[in-house]
Amino acid sequence: VQVPFYFAGNVEALGATRLLMGVPLYALLLVFSWLVVRAVYPARTA
């Protein structure tokens, strides 16, 4: 997504997508990962 904006010299679009695909996307993946881990390891202790 971001490299084409870089080569186009579109700083505004590059900066905006960098922000949107940074912490927000990372947070979504953390939630998804937690859901998968809890499905595979349903018990806390074992």
ModelCIF file with pLDDT and N, C-alpha, C, O atoms, coordinates in Angstrom:
data_MODEL
#
_entry.id   MODEL 
#
_entity.id                         1 
_entity.type                       polymer 
_entity.pdbx_number_of_molecules   1 
#
_entity_poly.entity_id                      1 
_entity_poly.type                           'polypeptide(L)' 
_entity_poly.nstd_linkage                   no 
_entity_poly.nstd_monomer                   no 
_entity_poly.pdbx_seq_one_letter_code       VQVPFYFAGNVEALGATRLLMGVPLYALLLVFSWLVVRAVYPARTA 
_entity_poly.pdbx_seq_one_letter_code_can   VQVPFYFAGNVEALGATRLLMGVPLYALLLVFSWLVVRAVYPARTA 
_entity_poly.pdbx_strand_id                 A 
#
loop_
_entity_poly_seq.entity_id 
_entity_poly_seq.num 
_entity_poly_seq.mon_id 
_entity_poly_seq.hetero 
1 1  VAL n 
1 2  GLN n 
1 3  VAL n 
1 4  PRO n 
1 5  PHE n 
1 6  TYR n 
1 7  PHE n 
1 8  ALA n 
1 9  GLY n 
1 10 ASN n 
1 11 VAL n 
1 12 GLU n 
1 13 ALA n 
1 14 LEU n 
1 15 GLY n 
1 16 ALA n 
1 17 THR n 
1 18 ARG n 
1 19 LEU n 
1 20 LEU n 
1 21 MET n 
1 22 GLY n 
1 23 VAL n 
1 24 PRO n 
1 25 LEU n 
1 26 TYR n 
1 27 ALA n 
1 28 LEU n 
1 29 LEU n 
1 30 LEU n 
1 31 VAL n 
1 32 PHE n 
1 33 SER n 
1 34 TRP n 
1 35 LEU n 
1 36 VAL n 
1 37 VAL n 
1 38 ARG n 
1 39 ALA n 
1 40 VAL n 
1 41 TYR n 
1 42 PRO n 
1 43 ALA n 
1 44 ARG n 
1 45 THR n 
1 46 ALA n 
#
_struct_asym.id          A 
_struct_asym.entity_id   1 
#
loop_
_ma_qa_metric.id 
_ma_qa_metric.mode 
_ma_qa_metric.name 
_ma_qa_metric.software_group_id 
_ma_qa_metric.type 
1 global pLDDT . pLDDT 
2 local  pLDDT . pLDDT 
#
_ma_qa_metric_global.metric_id      1 
_ma_qa_metric_global.metric_value   90.11 
_ma_qa_metric_global.model_id       1 
_ma_qa_metric_global.ordinal_id     1 
#
loop_
_ma_qa_metric_local.label_asym_id 
_ma_qa_metric_local.label_comp_id 
_ma_qa_metric_local.label_seq_id 
_ma_qa_metric_local.metric_id 
_ma_qa_metric_local.metric_value 
_ma_qa_metric_local.model_id 
_ma_qa_metric_local.ordinal_id 
A VAL 1  2 97.00 1 1  
A GLN 2  2 97.00 1 2  
A VAL 3  2 97.00 1 3  
A PRO 4  2 97.00 1 4  
A PHE 5  2 97.00 1 5  
A TYR 6  2 96.00 1 6  
A PHE 7  2 96.00 1 7  
A ALA 8  2 95.00 1 8  
A GLY 9  2 94.00 1 9  
A ASN 10 2 96.00 1 10 
A VAL 11 2 96.00 1 11 
A GLU 12 2 95.00 1 12 
A ALA 13 2 96.00 1 13 
A LEU 14 2 96.00 1 14 
A GLY 15 2 96.00 1 15 
A ALA 16 2 96.00 1 16 
A THR 17 2 96.00 1 17 
A ARG 18 2 96.00 1 18 
A LEU 19 2 95.00 1 19 
A LEU 20 2 95.00 1 20 
A MET 21 2 95.00 1 21 
A GLY 22 2 94.00 1 22 
A VAL 23 2 93.00 1 23 
A PRO 24 2 94.00 1 24 
A LEU 25 2 95.00 1 25 
A TYR 26 2 94.00 1 26 
A ALA 27 2 94.00 1 27 
A LEU 28 2 94.00 1 28 
A LEU 29 2 95.00 1 29 
A LEU 30 2 93.00 1 30 
A VAL 31 2 94.00 1 31 
A PHE 32 2 94.00 1 32 
A SER 33 2 94.00 1 33 
A TRP 34 2 92.00 1 34 
A LEU 35 2 92.00 1 35 
A VAL 36 2 93.00 1 36 
A VAL 37 2 92.00 1 37 
A ARG 38 2 90.00 1 38 
A ALA 39 2 91.00 1 39 
A VAL 40 2 91.00 1 40 
A TYR 41 2 88.00 1 41 
A PRO 42 2 79.00 1 42 
A ALA 43 2 59.00 1 43 
A ARG 44 2 49.00 1 44 
A THR 45 2 45.00 1 45 
A ALA 46 2 42.00 1 46 
#
loop_
_atom_site.group_PDB 
_atom_site.id 
_atom_site.type_symbol 
_atom_site.label_atom_id 
_atom_site.label_alt_id 
_atom_site.label_comp_id 
_atom_site.label_asym_id 
_atom_site.label_entity_id 
_atom_site.label_seq_id 
_atom_site.pdbx_PDB_ins_code 
_atom_site.Cartn_x 
_atom_site.Cartn_y 
_atom_site.Cartn_z 
_atom_site.occupancy 
_atom_site.B_iso_or_equiv 
_atom_site.pdbx_formal_charge 
_atom_site.auth_seq_id 
_atom_site.auth_comp_id 
_atom_site.auth_asym_id 
_atom_site.auth_atom_id 
_atom_site.pdbx_PDB_model_num 
ATOM 1   N N  . VAL A 1 1  ? 0.825  -1.214  0.000  1.00 97.00 ? 1  VAL A N  1 
ATOM 2   C CA . VAL A 1 1  ? 0.000  0.000   0.000  1.00 97.00 ? 1  VAL A CA 1 
ATOM 3   C C  . VAL A 1 1  ? 0.858  1.263   0.000  1.00 97.00 ? 1  VAL A C  1 
ATOM 4   O O  . VAL A 1 1  ? 0.550  2.218   -0.713 1.00 97.00 ? 1  VAL A O  1 
ATOM 5   N N  . GLN A 1 2  ? 1.924  1.278   0.786  1.00 97.00 ? 2  GLN A N  1 
ATOM 6   C CA . GLN A 1 2  ? 2.649  2.522   1.023  1.00 97.00 ? 2  GLN A CA 1 
ATOM 7   C C  . GLN A 1 2  ? 3.751  2.819   0.012  1.00 97.00 ? 2  GLN A C  1 
ATOM 8   O O  . GLN A 1 2  ? 3.984  3.984   -0.310 1.00 97.00 ? 2  GLN A O  1 
ATOM 9   N N  . VAL A 1 3  ? 4.424  1.812   -0.489 1.00 97.00 ? 3  VAL A N  1 
ATOM 10  C CA . VAL A 1 3  ? 5.545  2.061   -1.411 1.00 97.00 ? 3  VAL A CA 1 
ATOM 11  C C  . VAL A 1 3  ? 5.093  2.822   -2.668 1.00 97.00 ? 3  VAL A C  1 
ATOM 12  O O  . VAL A 1 3  ? 5.806  3.727   -3.102 1.00 97.00 ? 3  VAL A O  1 
ATOM 13  N N  . PRO A 1 4  ? 3.940  2.493   -3.271 1.00 97.00 ? 4  PRO A N  1 
ATOM 14  C CA . PRO A 1 4  ? 3.514  3.296   -4.433 1.00 97.00 ? 4  PRO A CA 1 
ATOM 15  C C  . PRO A 1 4  ? 3.340  4.779   -4.105 1.00 97.00 ? 4  PRO A C  1 
ATOM 16  O O  . PRO A 1 4  ? 3.660  5.627   -4.938 1.00 97.00 ? 4  PRO A O  1 
ATOM 17  N N  . PHE A 1 5  ? 2.845  5.106   -2.925 1.00 97.00 ? 5  PHE A N  1 
ATOM 18  C CA . PHE A 1 5  ? 2.723  6.510   -2.530 1.00 97.00 ? 5  PHE A CA 1 
ATOM 19  C C  . PHE A 1 5  ? 4.100  7.165   -2.420 1.00 97.00 ? 5  PHE A C  1 
ATOM 20  O O  . PHE A 1 5  ? 4.270  8.338   -2.753 1.00 97.00 ? 5  PHE A O  1 
ATOM 21  N N  . TYR A 1 6  ? 5.072  6.395   -1.951 1.00 96.00 ? 6  TYR A N  1 
ATOM 22  C CA . TYR A 1 6  ? 6.434  6.931   -1.847 1.00 96.00 ? 6  TYR A CA 1 
ATOM 23  C C  . TYR A 1 6  ? 6.976  7.308   -3.224 1.00 96.00 ? 6  TYR A C  1 
ATOM 24  O O  . TYR A 1 6  ? 7.499  8.407   -3.409 1.00 96.00 ? 6  TYR A O  1 
ATOM 25  N N  . PHE A 1 7  ? 6.853  6.413   -4.173 1.00 96.00 ? 7  PHE A N  1 
ATOM 26  C CA . PHE A 1 7  ? 7.379  6.692   -5.508 1.00 96.00 ? 7  PHE A CA 1 
ATOM 27  C C  . PHE A 1 7  ? 6.581  7.783   -6.224 1.00 96.00 ? 7  PHE A C  1 
ATOM 28  O O  . PHE A 1 7  ? 7.096  8.460   -7.115 1.00 96.00 ? 7  PHE A O  1 
ATOM 29  N N  . ALA A 1 8  ? 5.315  7.945   -5.823 1.00 95.00 ? 8  ALA A N  1 
ATOM 30  C CA . ALA A 1 8  ? 4.504  9.015   -6.403 1.00 95.00 ? 8  ALA A CA 1 
ATOM 31  C C  . ALA A 1 8  ? 4.769  10.356  -5.730 1.00 95.00 ? 8  ALA A C  1 
ATOM 32  O O  . ALA A 1 8  ? 4.293  11.391  -6.197 1.00 95.00 ? 8  ALA A O  1 
ATOM 33  N N  . GLY A 1 9  ? 5.532  10.343  -4.628 1.00 94.00 ? 9  GLY A N  1 
ATOM 34  C CA . GLY A 1 9  ? 5.814  11.577  -3.909 1.00 94.00 ? 9  GLY A CA 1 
ATOM 35  C C  . GLY A 1 9  ? 4.623  12.122  -3.161 1.00 94.00 ? 9  GLY A C  1 
ATOM 36  O O  . GLY A 1 9  ? 4.582  13.311  -2.844 1.00 94.00 ? 9  GLY A O  1 
ATOM 37  N N  . ASN A 1 10 ? 3.644  11.269  -2.871 1.00 96.00 ? 10 ASN A N  1 
ATOM 38  C CA . ASN A 1 10 ? 2.432  11.690  -2.174 1.00 96.00 ? 10 ASN A CA 1 
ATOM 39  C C  . ASN A 1 10 ? 2.649  11.536  -0.666 1.00 96.00 ? 10 ASN A C  1 
ATOM 40  O O  . ASN A 1 10 ? 2.311  10.508  -0.078 1.00 96.00 ? 10 ASN A O  1 
ATOM 41  N N  . VAL A 1 11 ? 3.217  12.575  -0.059 1.00 96.00 ? 11 VAL A N  1 
ATOM 42  C CA . VAL A 1 11 ? 3.578  12.507  1.354  1.00 96.00 ? 11 VAL A CA 1 
ATOM 43  C C  . VAL A 1 11 ? 2.345  12.385  2.242  1.00 96.00 ? 11 VAL A C  1 
ATOM 44  O O  . VAL A 1 11 ? 2.356  11.642  3.223  1.00 96.00 ? 11 VAL A O  1 
ATOM 45  N N  . GLU A 1 12 ? 1.277  13.114  1.899  1.00 95.00 ? 12 GLU A N  1 
ATOM 46  C CA . GLU A 1 12 ? 0.068  13.084  2.725  1.00 95.00 ? 12 GLU A CA 1 
ATOM 47  C C  . GLU A 1 12 ? -0.536 11.683  2.768  1.00 95.00 ? 12 GLU A C  1 
ATOM 48  O O  . GLU A 1 12 ? -0.869 11.185  3.844  1.00 95.00 ? 12 GLU A O  1 
ATOM 49  N N  . ALA A 1 13 ? -0.680 11.046  1.609  1.00 96.00 ? 13 ALA A N  1 
ATOM 50  C CA . ALA A 1 13 ? -1.249 9.695   1.577  1.00 96.00 ? 13 ALA A CA 1 
ATOM 51  C C  . ALA A 1 13 ? -0.316 8.701   2.246  1.00 96.00 ? 13 ALA A C  1 
ATOM 52  O O  . ALA A 1 13 ? -0.769 7.793   2.942  1.00 96.00 ? 13 ALA A O  1 
ATOM 53  N N  . LEU A 1 14 ? 0.971  8.866   2.040  1.00 96.00 ? 14 LEU A N  1 
ATOM 54  C CA . LEU A 1 14 ? 1.949  7.969   2.657  1.00 96.00 ? 14 LEU A CA 1 
ATOM 55  C C  . LEU A 1 14 ? 1.903  8.079   4.175  1.00 96.00 ? 14 LEU A C  1 
ATOM 56  O O  . LEU A 1 14 ? 1.889  7.067   4.877  1.00 96.00 ? 14 LEU A O  1 
ATOM 57  N N  . GLY A 1 15 ? 1.879  9.306   4.677  1.00 96.00 ? 15 GLY A N  1 
ATOM 58  C CA . GLY A 1 15 ? 1.842  9.494   6.122  1.00 96.00 ? 15 GLY A CA 1 
ATOM 59  C C  . GLY A 1 15 ? 0.551  8.985   6.735  1.00 96.00 ? 15 GLY A C  1 
ATOM 60  O O  . GLY A 1 15 ? 0.561  8.389   7.813  1.00 96.00 ? 15 GLY A O  1 
ATOM 61  N N  . ALA A 1 16 ? -0.573 9.222   6.042  1.00 96.00 ? 16 ALA A N  1 
ATOM 62  C CA . ALA A 1 16 ? -1.862 8.771   6.572  1.00 96.00 ? 16 ALA A CA 1 
ATOM 63  C C  . ALA A 1 16 ? -1.947 7.250   6.621  1.00 96.00 ? 16 ALA A C  1 
ATOM 64  O O  . ALA A 1 16 ? -2.396 6.683   7.617  1.00 96.00 ? 16 ALA A O  1 
ATOM 65  N N  . THR A 1 17 ? -1.519 6.591   5.550  1.00 96.00 ? 17 THR A N  1 
ATOM 66  C CA . THR A 1 17 ? -1.565 5.128   5.542  1.00 96.00 ? 17 THR A CA 1 
ATOM 67  C C  . THR A 1 17 ? -0.564 4.541   6.529  1.00 96.00 ? 17 THR A C  1 
ATOM 68  O O  . THR A 1 17 ? -0.815 3.485   7.111  1.00 96.00 ? 17 THR A O  1 
ATOM 69  N N  . ARG A 1 18 ? 0.565  5.212   6.721  1.00 96.00 ? 18 ARG A N  1 
ATOM 70  C CA . ARG A 1 18 ? 1.516  4.734   7.734  1.00 96.00 ? 18 ARG A CA 1 
ATOM 71  C C  . ARG A 1 18 ? 0.882  4.748   9.113  1.00 96.00 ? 18 ARG A C  1 
ATOM 72  O O  . ARG A 1 18 ? 1.069  3.811   9.889  1.00 96.00 ? 18 ARG A O  1 
ATOM 73  N N  . LEU A 1 19 ? 0.139  5.793   9.427  1.00 95.00 ? 19 LEU A N  1 
ATOM 74  C CA . LEU A 1 19 ? -0.524 5.874   10.730 1.00 95.00 ? 19 LEU A CA 1 
ATOM 75  C C  . LEU A 1 19 ? -1.639 4.844   10.858 1.00 95.00 ? 19 LEU A C  1 
ATOM 76  O O  . LEU A 1 19 ? -1.747 4.166   11.880 1.00 95.00 ? 19 LEU A O  1 
ATOM 77  N N  . LEU A 1 20 ? -2.462 4.726   9.830  1.00 95.00 ? 20 LEU A N  1 
ATOM 78  C CA . LEU A 1 20 ? -3.611 3.811   9.882  1.00 95.00 ? 20 LEU A CA 1 
ATOM 79  C C  . LEU A 1 20 ? -3.175 2.349   9.906  1.00 95.00 ? 20 LEU A C  1 
ATOM 80  O O  . LEU A 1 20 ? -3.821 1.516   10.541 1.00 95.00 ? 20 LEU A O  1 
ATOM 81  N N  . MET A 1 21 ? -2.089 2.043   9.220  1.00 95.00 ? 21 MET A N  1 
ATOM 82  C CA . MET A 1 21 ? -1.620 0.654   9.167  1.00 95.00 ? 21 MET A CA 1 
ATOM 83  C C  . MET A 1 21 ? -0.556 0.367   10.219 1.00 95.00 ? 21 MET A C  1 
ATOM 84  O O  . MET A 1 21 ? 0.107  -0.669  10.185 1.00 95.00 ? 21 MET A O  1 
ATOM 85  N N  . GLY A 1 22 ? -0.406 1.297   11.149 1.00 94.00 ? 22 GLY A N  1 
ATOM 86  C CA . GLY A 1 22 ? 0.534  1.102   12.237 1.00 94.00 ? 22 GLY A CA 1 
ATOM 87  C C  . GLY A 1 22 ? -0.148 0.500   13.453 1.00 94.00 ? 22 GLY A C  1 
ATOM 88  O O  . GLY A 1 22 ? -0.461 -0.690  13.472 1.00 94.00 ? 22 GLY A O  1 
ATOM 89  N N  . VAL A 1 23 ? -0.375 1.318   14.461 1.00 93.00 ? 23 VAL A N  1 
ATOM 90  C CA . VAL A 1 23 ? -0.967 0.836   15.711 1.00 93.00 ? 23 VAL A CA 1 
ATOM 91  C C  . VAL A 1 23 ? -2.364 0.233   15.527 1.00 93.00 ? 23 VAL A C  1 
ATOM 92  O O  . VAL A 1 23 ? -2.628 -0.833  16.084 1.00 93.00 ? 23 VAL A O  1 
ATOM 93  N N  . PRO A 1 24 ? -3.273 0.868   14.765 1.00 94.00 ? 24 PRO A N  1 
ATOM 94  C CA . PRO A 1 24 ? -4.613 0.269   14.629 1.00 94.00 ? 24 PRO A CA 1 
ATOM 95  C C  . PRO A 1 24 ? -4.584 -1.141  14.033 1.00 94.00 ? 24 PRO A C  1 
ATOM 96  O O  . PRO A 1 24 ? -5.258 -2.038  14.540 1.00 94.00 ? 24 PRO A O  1 
ATOM 97  N N  . LEU A 1 25 ? -3.817 -1.341  12.971 1.00 95.00 ? 25 LEU A N  1 
ATOM 98  C CA . LEU A 1 25 ? -3.740 -2.669  12.359 1.00 95.00 ? 25 LEU A CA 1 
ATOM 99  C C  . LEU A 1 25 ? -3.057 -3.662  13.292 1.00 95.00 ? 25 LEU A C  1 
ATOM 100 O O  . LEU A 1 25 ? -3.471 -4.817  13.394 1.00 95.00 ? 25 LEU A O  1 
ATOM 101 N N  . TYR A 1 26 ? -2.017 -3.209  13.965 1.00 94.00 ? 26 TYR A N  1 
ATOM 102 C CA . TYR A 1 26 ? -1.324 -4.054  14.935 1.00 94.00 ? 26 TYR A CA 1 
ATOM 103 C C  . TYR A 1 26 ? -2.279 -4.490  16.051 1.00 94.00 ? 26 TYR A C  1 
ATOM 104 O O  . TYR A 1 26 ? -2.251 -5.643  16.482 1.00 94.00 ? 26 TYR A O  1 
ATOM 105 N N  . ALA A 1 27 ? -3.114 -3.575  16.512 1.00 94.00 ? 27 ALA A N  1 
ATOM 106 C CA . ALA A 1 27 ? -4.077 -3.908  17.566 1.00 94.00 ? 27 ALA A CA 1 
ATOM 107 C C  . ALA A 1 27 ? -5.073 -4.963  17.090 1.00 94.00 ? 27 ALA A C  1 
ATOM 108 O O  . ALA A 1 27 ? -5.405 -5.886  17.834 1.00 94.00 ? 27 ALA A O  1 
ATOM 109 N N  . LEU A 1 28 ? -5.548 -4.827  15.858 1.00 94.00 ? 28 LEU A N  1 
ATOM 110 C CA . LEU A 1 28 ? -6.478 -5.824  15.321 1.00 94.00 ? 28 LEU A CA 1 
ATOM 111 C C  . LEU A 1 28 ? -5.828 -7.205  15.264 1.00 94.00 ? 28 LEU A C  1 
ATOM 112 O O  . LEU A 1 28 ? -6.469 -8.208  15.579 1.00 94.00 ? 28 LEU A O  1 
ATOM 113 N N  . LEU A 1 29 ? -4.579 -7.255  14.870 1.00 95.00 ? 29 LEU A N  1 
ATOM 114 C CA . LEU A 1 29 ? -3.894 -8.547  14.800 1.00 95.00 ? 29 LEU A CA 1 
ATOM 115 C C  . LEU A 1 29 ? -3.648 -9.136  16.181 1.00 95.00 ? 29 LEU A C  1 
ATOM 116 O O  . LEU A 1 29 ? -3.669 -10.355 16.351 1.00 95.00 ? 29 LEU A O  1 
ATOM 117 N N  . LEU A 1 30 ? -3.417 -8.279  17.163 1.00 93.00 ? 30 LEU A N  1 
ATOM 118 C CA . LEU A 1 30 ? -3.274 -8.784  18.528 1.00 93.00 ? 30 LEU A CA 1 
ATOM 119 C C  . LEU A 1 30 ? -4.572 -9.436  19.000 1.00 93.00 ? 30 LEU A C  1 
ATOM 120 O O  . LEU A 1 30 ? -4.545 -10.505 19.609 1.00 93.00 ? 30 LEU A O  1 
ATOM 121 N N  . VAL A 1 31 ? -5.700 -8.798  18.721 1.00 94.00 ? 31 VAL A N  1 
ATOM 122 C CA . VAL A 1 31 ? -6.995 -9.360  19.124 1.00 94.00 ? 31 VAL A CA 1 
ATOM 123 C C  . VAL A 1 31 ? -7.239 -10.685 18.406 1.00 94.00 ? 31 VAL A C  1 
ATOM 124 O O  . VAL A 1 31 ? -7.656 -11.661 19.030 1.00 94.00 ? 31 VAL A O  1 
ATOM 125 N N  . PHE A 1 32 ? -6.982 -10.725 17.099 1.00 94.00 ? 32 PHE A N  1 
ATOM 126 C CA . PHE A 1 32 ? -7.167 -11.959 16.346 1.00 94.00 ? 32 PHE A CA 1 
ATOM 127 C C  . PHE A 1 32 ? -6.256 -13.063 16.881 1.00 94.00 ? 32 PHE A C  1 
ATOM 128 O O  . PHE A 1 32 ? -6.679 -14.211 17.018 1.00 94.00 ? 32 PHE A O  1 
ATOM 129 N N  . SER A 1 33 ? -5.013 -12.714 17.179 1.00 94.00 ? 33 SER A N  1 
ATOM 130 C CA . SER A 1 33 ? -4.064 -13.700 17.707 1.00 94.00 ? 33 SER A CA 1 
ATOM 131 C C  . SER A 1 33 ? -4.534 -14.232 19.050 1.00 94.00 ? 33 SER A C  1 
ATOM 132 O O  . SER A 1 33 ? -4.439 -15.430 19.319 1.00 94.00 ? 33 SER A O  1 
ATOM 133 N N  . TRP A 1 34 ? -5.046 -13.336 19.897 1.00 92.00 ? 34 TRP A N  1 
ATOM 134 C CA . TRP A 1 34 ? -5.547 -13.767 21.202 1.00 92.00 ? 34 TRP A CA 1 
ATOM 135 C C  . TRP A 1 34 ? -6.706 -14.749 21.032 1.00 92.00 ? 34 TRP A C  1 
ATOM 136 O O  . TRP A 1 34 ? -6.781 -15.746 21.750 1.00 92.00 ? 34 TRP A O  1 
ATOM 137 N N  . LEU A 1 35 ? -7.604 -14.479 20.094 1.00 92.00 ? 35 LEU A N  1 
ATOM 138 C CA . LEU A 1 35 ? -8.743 -15.373 19.861 1.00 92.00 ? 35 LEU A CA 1 
ATOM 139 C C  . LEU A 1 35 ? -8.263 -16.760 19.426 1.00 92.00 ? 35 LEU A C  1 
ATOM 140 O O  . LEU A 1 35 ? -8.783 -17.774 19.892 1.00 92.00 ? 35 LEU A O  1 
ATOM 141 N N  . VAL A 1 36 ? -7.282 -16.801 18.542 1.00 93.00 ? 36 VAL A N  1 
ATOM 142 C CA . VAL A 1 36 ? -6.762 -18.087 18.074 1.00 93.00 ? 36 VAL A CA 1 
ATOM 143 C C  . VAL A 1 36 ? -6.063 -18.827 19.205 1.00 93.00 ? 36 VAL A C  1 
ATOM 144 O O  . VAL A 1 36 ? -6.252 -20.032 19.372 1.00 93.00 ? 36 VAL A O  1 
ATOM 145 N N  . VAL A 1 37 ? -5.260 -18.116 19.979 1.00 92.00 ? 37 VAL A N  1 
ATOM 146 C CA . VAL A 1 37 ? -4.540 -18.749 21.093 1.00 92.00 ? 37 VAL A CA 1 
ATOM 147 C C  . VAL A 1 37 ? -5.517 -19.305 22.115 1.00 92.00 ? 37 VAL A C  1 
ATOM 148 O O  . VAL A 1 37 ? -5.322 -20.412 22.617 1.00 92.00 ? 37 VAL A O  1 
ATOM 149 N N  . ARG A 1 38 ? -6.573 -18.550 22.433 1.00 90.00 ? 38 ARG A N  1 
ATOM 150 C CA . ARG A 1 38 ? -7.537 -19.047 23.406 1.00 90.00 ? 38 ARG A CA 1 
ATOM 151 C C  . ARG A 1 38 ? -8.301 -20.248 22.874 1.00 90.00 ? 38 ARG A C  1 
ATOM 152 O O  . ARG A 1 38 ? -8.723 -21.101 23.654 1.00 90.00 ? 38 ARG A O  1 
ATOM 153 N N  . ALA A 1 39 ? -8.488 -20.332 21.550 1.00 91.00 ? 39 ALA A N  1 
ATOM 154 C CA . ALA A 1 39 ? -9.157 -21.498 20.970 1.00 91.00 ? 39 ALA A CA 1 
ATOM 155 C C  . ALA A 1 39 ? -8.273 -22.738 21.048 1.00 91.00 ? 39 ALA A C  1 
ATOM 156 O O  . ALA A 1 39 ? -8.760 -23.848 21.263 1.00 91.00 ? 39 ALA A O  1 
ATOM 157 N N  . VAL A 1 40 ? -6.983 -22.539 20.872 1.00 91.00 ? 40 VAL A N  1 
ATOM 158 C CA . VAL A 1 40 ? -6.055 -23.675 20.876 1.00 91.00 ? 40 VAL A CA 1 
ATOM 159 C C  . VAL A 1 40 ? -5.670 -24.060 22.294 1.00 91.00 ? 40 VAL A C  1 
ATOM 160 O O  . VAL A 1 40 ? -5.486 -25.241 22.590 1.00 91.00 ? 40 VAL A O  1 
ATOM 161 N N  . TYR A 1 41 ? -5.546 -23.071 23.174 1.00 88.00 ? 41 TYR A N  1 
ATOM 162 C CA . TYR A 1 41 ? -5.190 -23.308 24.579 1.00 88.00 ? 41 TYR A CA 1 
ATOM 163 C C  . TYR A 1 41 ? -6.323 -22.778 25.455 1.00 88.00 ? 41 TYR A C  1 
ATOM 164 O O  . TYR A 1 41 ? -6.182 -21.717 26.063 1.00 88.00 ? 41 TYR A O  1 
ATOM 165 N N  . PRO A 1 42 ? -7.444 -23.496 25.532 1.00 79.00 ? 42 PRO A N  1 
ATOM 166 C CA . PRO A 1 42 ? -8.608 -22.972 26.253 1.00 79.00 ? 42 PRO A CA 1 
ATOM 167 C C  . PRO A 1 42 ? -8.428 -22.878 27.753 1.00 79.00 ? 42 PRO A C  1 
ATOM 168 O O  . PRO A 1 42 ? -9.118 -22.094 28.404 1.00 79.00 ? 42 PRO A O  1 
ATOM 169 N N  . ALA A 1 43 ? -7.515 -23.661 28.322 1.00 59.00 ? 43 ALA A N  1 
ATOM 170 C CA . ALA A 1 43 ? -7.316 -23.635 29.773 1.00 59.00 ? 43 ALA A CA 1 
ATOM 171 C C  . ALA A 1 43 ? -6.102 -22.794 30.089 1.00 59.00 ? 43 ALA A C  1 
ATOM 172 O O  . ALA A 1 43 ? -5.139 -22.780 29.323 1.00 59.00 ? 43 ALA A O  1 
ATOM 173 N N  . ARG A 1 44 ? -6.135 -22.089 31.214 1.00 49.00 ? 44 ARG A N  1 
ATOM 174 C CA . ARG A 1 44 ? -5.028 -21.249 31.626 1.00 49.00 ? 44 ARG A CA 1 
ATOM 175 C C  . ARG A 1 44 ? -3.816 -22.057 32.045 1.00 49.00 ? 44 ARG A C  1 
ATOM 176 O O  . ARG A 1 44 ? -2.678 -21.678 31.768 1.00 49.00 ? 44 ARG A O  1 
ATOM 177 N N  . THR A 1 45 ? -4.067 -23.184 32.720 1.00 45.00 ? 45 THR A N  1 
ATOM 178 C CA . THR A 1 45 ? -2.967 -23.907 33.354 1.00 45.00 ? 45 THR A CA 1 
ATOM 179 C C  . THR A 1 45 ? -2.397 -25.027 32.505 1.00 45.00 ? 45 THR A C  1 
ATOM 180 O O  . THR A 1 45 ? -1.224 -25.376 32.644 1.00 45.00 ? 45 THR A O  1 
ATOM 181 N N  . ALA A 1 46 ? -3.199 -25.584 31.644 1.00 42.00 ? 46 ALA A N  1 
ATOM 182 C CA . ALA A 1 46 ? -2.712 -26.739 30.895 1.00 42.00 ? 46 ALA A CA 1 
ATOM 183 C C  . ALA A 1 46 ? -2.987 -26.561 29.422 1.00 42.00 ? 46 ALA A C  1 
ATOM 184 O O  . ALA A 1 46 ? -2.648 -27.433 28.621 1.00 42.00 ? 46 ALA A O  1 
#
